[in-house]
Amino acid sequence: MKYYKKVGILSLFLLVLFLVSYAESEPLKWKGPRGKLGKMPIREYVYEPKGKIDPFFPFILKKEEGVSEEMLAGLTPTEKIKKALNILKEMKKAKTELQTIPLSKLELSSILNNGKQYIAMVREKGKDKGYIIKKGTPIGTRGGVVEDIISIEKETELGKQLIRKIIIKVPYIGSEGDIKFKRVEMSMPGTTVYQ
């Protein structure tokens, strides 16, 4: 048995020695465009960012846009509507990747408390990529902003129920040309704990 181990180790050593000497003596050859043998050209890798996610671009922008009554004060109803349309258009302009996904395609994955505030994670239905959100985060294609993140325990006749949801305020133009907000709730399935 010892003889076979020695022969195996010696064979492996000779094979490695042969490969090293062959690699040093014989340059890598390839057939060029016209079938001629030559050295393989070394190509330098060039990063092309088009169509790729920028890893350094923030998902959450700090700048928040609000609409005040002073912005629309003193205008005629027609001017109010035009001004409100411009403001609404600016609010809907996507500044983050999360603002390119409609609310109907997002689902609430989890809610956490980091000690100071609640934060949540949403993801696009059918995809694994998640987005961390907090109060004030722009979300959706219609200019929505996260207004509140709720995670409470509620007593019911059947036991305790966990209520986990986020409330998003979405702007729209009212009948008088002013910008109003409607509330949209995105909930996680409630878990009932029986006692």
Protein backbone atom coordinates (compact mmCIF):
# COMPACT_ATOMS: atom_id res chain seq x y z
CA MET A 1 0.00 0.00 0.00
CA LYS A 2 2.86 2.36 0.83
CA TYR A 3 4.32 1.70 -2.63
CA TYR A 4 1.14 2.96 -4.38
CA LYS A 5 1.09 6.14 -2.30
CA LYS A 6 4.69 6.89 -3.22
CA VAL A 7 4.02 6.27 -6.94
CA GLY A 8 0.87 8.46 -6.79
CA ILE A 9 2.70 11.34 -5.10
CA LEU A 10 5.62 11.04 -7.53
CA SER A 11 3.21 11.01 -10.52
CA LEU A 12 1.41 14.10 -9.21
CA PHE A 13 4.72 15.90 -8.68
CA LEU A 14 5.88 15.09 -12.24
CA LEU A 15 2.55 16.24 -13.69
CA VAL A 16 2.74 19.59 -11.86
CA LEU A 17 6.37 20.03 -12.93
CA PHE A 18 5.44 19.29 -16.57
CA LEU A 19 2.54 21.76 -16.53
CA VAL A 20 4.66 24.54 -15.02
CA SER A 21 7.46 24.07 -17.57
CA TYR A 22 4.94 23.86 -20.45
CA ALA A 23 3.21 27.08 -19.32
CA GLU A 24 6.54 28.93 -19.18
CA SER A 25 7.79 27.74 -22.57
CA GLU A 26 4.60 27.86 -24.64
CA PRO A 27 2.65 31.13 -24.88
CA LEU A 28 -1.11 30.92 -25.06
CA LYS A 29 -2.14 30.69 -28.72
CA TRP A 30 -5.38 31.50 -30.43
CA LYS A 31 -6.64 31.73 -33.97
CA GLY A 32 -7.15 35.30 -35.06
CA PRO A 33 -9.86 36.57 -37.37
CA ARG A 34 -8.11 35.16 -40.45
CA GLY A 35 -7.17 31.82 -38.90
CA LYS A 36 -3.55 32.76 -38.13
CA LEU A 37 -2.03 31.60 -34.85
CA GLY A 38 -0.86 34.30 -32.50
CA LYS A 39 -0.75 35.47 -28.91
CA MET A 40 -4.09 36.10 -27.24
CA PRO A 41 -4.64 39.83 -26.89
CA ILE A 42 -5.10 41.17 -23.39
CA ARG A 43 -8.28 43.18 -23.12
CA GLU A 44 -8.78 45.73 -20.41
CA TYR A 45 -12.14 45.58 -18.62
CA VAL A 46 -14.21 48.72 -19.06
CA TYR A 47 -17.19 49.22 -16.75
CA GLU A 48 -20.37 50.23 -18.57
CA PRO A 49 -22.86 51.72 -16.06
CA LYS A 50 -25.76 51.93 -18.52
CA GLY A 51 -28.68 49.80 -17.31
CA LYS A 52 -27.02 48.94 -13.99
CA ILE A 53 -27.94 50.11 -10.49
CA ASP A 54 -25.56 52.69 -9.03
CA PRO A 55 -24.46 51.14 -5.69
CA PHE A 56 -23.64 54.58 -4.26
CA PHE A 57 -26.97 56.26 -5.15
CA PRO A 58 -29.10 56.73 -2.01
CA PHE A 59 -32.50 55.01 -1.96
CA ILE A 60 -33.90 57.71 0.32
CA LEU A 61 -33.37 61.37 -0.49
CA LYS A 62 -33.30 63.86 2.37
CA LYS A 63 -35.06 66.66 0.50
CA GLU A 64 -38.81 66.63 1.07
CA GLU A 65 -41.15 68.75 -0.97
CA GLY A 66 -44.27 70.19 0.60
CA VAL A 67 -47.15 72.26 -0.68
CA SER A 68 -48.14 75.33 1.29
CA GLU A 69 -51.24 77.47 0.93
CA GLU A 70 -49.01 80.50 0.22
CA MET A 71 -47.87 78.89 -3.01
CA LEU A 72 -51.43 78.99 -4.37
CA ALA A 73 -52.69 82.16 -2.64
CA GLY A 74 -53.92 85.09 -4.75
CA LEU A 75 -54.34 83.11 -7.96
CA THR A 76 -57.45 82.75 -10.12
CA PRO A 77 -59.02 79.26 -10.26
CA THR A 78 -57.46 78.59 -13.68
CA GLU A 79 -54.03 79.78 -12.53
CA LYS A 80 -54.43 77.72 -9.35
CA ILE A 81 -55.07 74.56 -11.37
CA LYS A 82 -52.08 75.24 -13.67
CA LYS A 83 -49.83 75.94 -10.68
CA ALA A 84 -51.14 72.86 -8.86
CA LEU A 85 -50.54 70.71 -11.96
CA ASN A 86 -46.93 71.92 -12.15
CA ILE A 87 -46.40 71.23 -8.43
CA LEU A 88 -48.02 67.80 -8.77
CA LYS A 89 -45.87 67.01 -11.82
CA GLU A 90 -42.73 67.92 -9.84
CA MET A 91 -43.88 65.78 -6.88
CA LYS A 92 -44.42 62.78 -9.19
CA LYS A 93 -40.99 63.08 -10.80
CA ALA A 94 -38.96 59.99 -9.85
CA LYS A 95 -35.82 60.75 -7.86
CA THR A 96 -35.26 57.26 -6.46
CA GLU A 97 -35.73 53.73 -7.77
CA LEU A 98 -38.60 53.23 -5.32
CA GLN A 99 -40.50 56.06 -7.06
CA THR A 100 -40.49 54.13 -10.35
CA ILE A 101 -42.60 51.26 -8.95
CA PRO A 102 -46.41 51.69 -8.67
CA LEU A 103 -47.89 51.21 -5.17
CA SER A 104 -50.05 48.35 -6.45
CA LYS A 105 -46.88 46.35 -7.25
CA LEU A 106 -45.33 46.84 -3.79
CA GLU A 107 -45.91 44.73 -0.69
CA LEU A 108 -44.94 45.31 2.93
CA SER A 109 -42.33 42.75 4.05
CA SER A 110 -41.41 43.75 7.59
CA ILE A 111 -41.51 46.47 10.23
CA LEU A 112 -38.73 47.04 12.76
CA ASN A 113 -38.11 49.45 15.61
CA ASN A 114 -34.53 50.75 15.65
CA GLY A 115 -34.94 52.36 19.08
CA LYS A 116 -35.75 55.83 17.75
CA GLN A 117 -38.44 55.17 15.15
CA TYR A 118 -40.16 52.48 13.15
CA ILE A 119 -38.63 51.52 9.83
CA ALA A 120 -40.13 49.15 7.29
CA MET A 121 -39.15 47.17 4.24
CA VAL A 122 -41.20 46.94 1.07
CA ARG A 123 -40.47 44.89 -2.01
CA GLU A 124 -41.83 44.55 -5.50
CA LYS A 125 -44.21 41.59 -5.79
CA GLY A 126 -42.44 38.56 -7.22
CA LYS A 127 -38.96 40.04 -6.76
CA ASP A 128 -36.44 39.65 -3.96
CA LYS A 129 -35.03 43.18 -3.82
CA GLY A 130 -36.21 45.13 -0.78
CA TYR A 131 -36.32 48.86 -0.03
CA ILE A 132 -35.96 50.29 3.46
CA ILE A 133 -38.42 53.08 4.18
CA LYS A 134 -39.19 55.40 7.07
CA LYS A 135 -41.52 58.28 7.75
CA GLY A 136 -41.14 60.86 4.97
CA THR A 137 -39.75 58.46 2.33
CA PRO A 138 -41.03 59.15 -1.23
CA ILE A 139 -42.72 56.03 -2.61
CA GLY A 140 -44.67 55.04 -5.73
CA THR A 141 -45.16 56.65 -9.13
CA ARG A 142 -47.88 59.08 -8.03
CA GLY A 143 -45.81 61.27 -5.70
CA GLY A 144 -46.67 59.39 -2.49
CA VAL A 145 -44.83 59.91 0.79
CA VAL A 146 -44.79 57.56 3.81
CA GLU A 147 -46.84 59.34 6.47
CA ASP A 148 -46.76 56.75 9.23
CA ILE A 149 -45.52 53.25 10.08
CA ILE A 150 -47.73 51.38 12.54
CA SER A 151 -46.97 48.23 14.50
CA ILE A 152 -49.35 47.66 17.41
CA GLU A 153 -50.86 44.79 19.35
CA LYS A 154 -54.66 44.84 19.63
CA GLU A 155 -56.86 42.80 21.98
CA THR A 156 -59.76 41.06 20.25
CA GLU A 157 -62.31 38.45 21.31
CA LEU A 158 -60.08 35.75 19.83
CA GLY A 159 -56.87 36.97 21.44
CA LYS A 160 -54.09 39.38 20.55
CA GLN A 161 -53.77 40.57 16.97
CA LEU A 162 -50.68 42.26 15.53
CA ILE A 163 -51.49 45.19 13.25
CA ARG A 164 -48.60 46.12 10.97
CA LYS A 165 -49.11 48.65 8.20
CA ILE A 166 -47.79 51.78 6.58
CA ILE A 167 -49.86 54.81 5.63
CA ILE A 168 -48.91 56.64 2.45
CA LYS A 169 -50.27 60.06 1.54
CA VAL A 170 -50.75 60.47 -2.20
CA PRO A 171 -51.34 63.95 -3.67
CA TYR A 172 -54.14 64.85 -6.06
CA ILE A 173 -55.79 68.06 -7.30
CA GLY A 174 -59.07 68.93 -5.58
CA SER A 175 -62.13 70.46 -7.23
CA GLU A 176 -60.99 74.00 -6.36
CA GLY A 177 -57.52 73.59 -7.85
CA ASP A 178 -55.79 72.95 -4.54
CA ILE A 179 -53.57 69.97 -3.79
CA LYS A 180 -55.10 67.46 -1.40
CA PHE A 181 -53.87 64.13 -0.11
CA LYS A 182 -55.59 60.77 0.11
CA ARG A 183 -54.34 58.08 2.46
CA VAL A 184 -53.40 54.63 1.13
CA GLU A 185 -52.71 51.80 3.56
CA MET A 186 -50.36 48.92 2.87
CA SER A 187 -50.77 46.13 5.44
CA MET A 188 -48.98 42.95 6.36
CA PRO A 189 -51.15 39.93 7.05
CA GLY A 190 -52.16 40.09 10.74
CA THR A 191 -51.08 37.35 13.09
CA THR A 192 -53.54 36.38 15.77
CA VAL A 193 -52.08 34.97 18.99
CA TYR A 194 -54.62 32.89 20.92
CA GLN A 195 -54.46 32.73 24.71
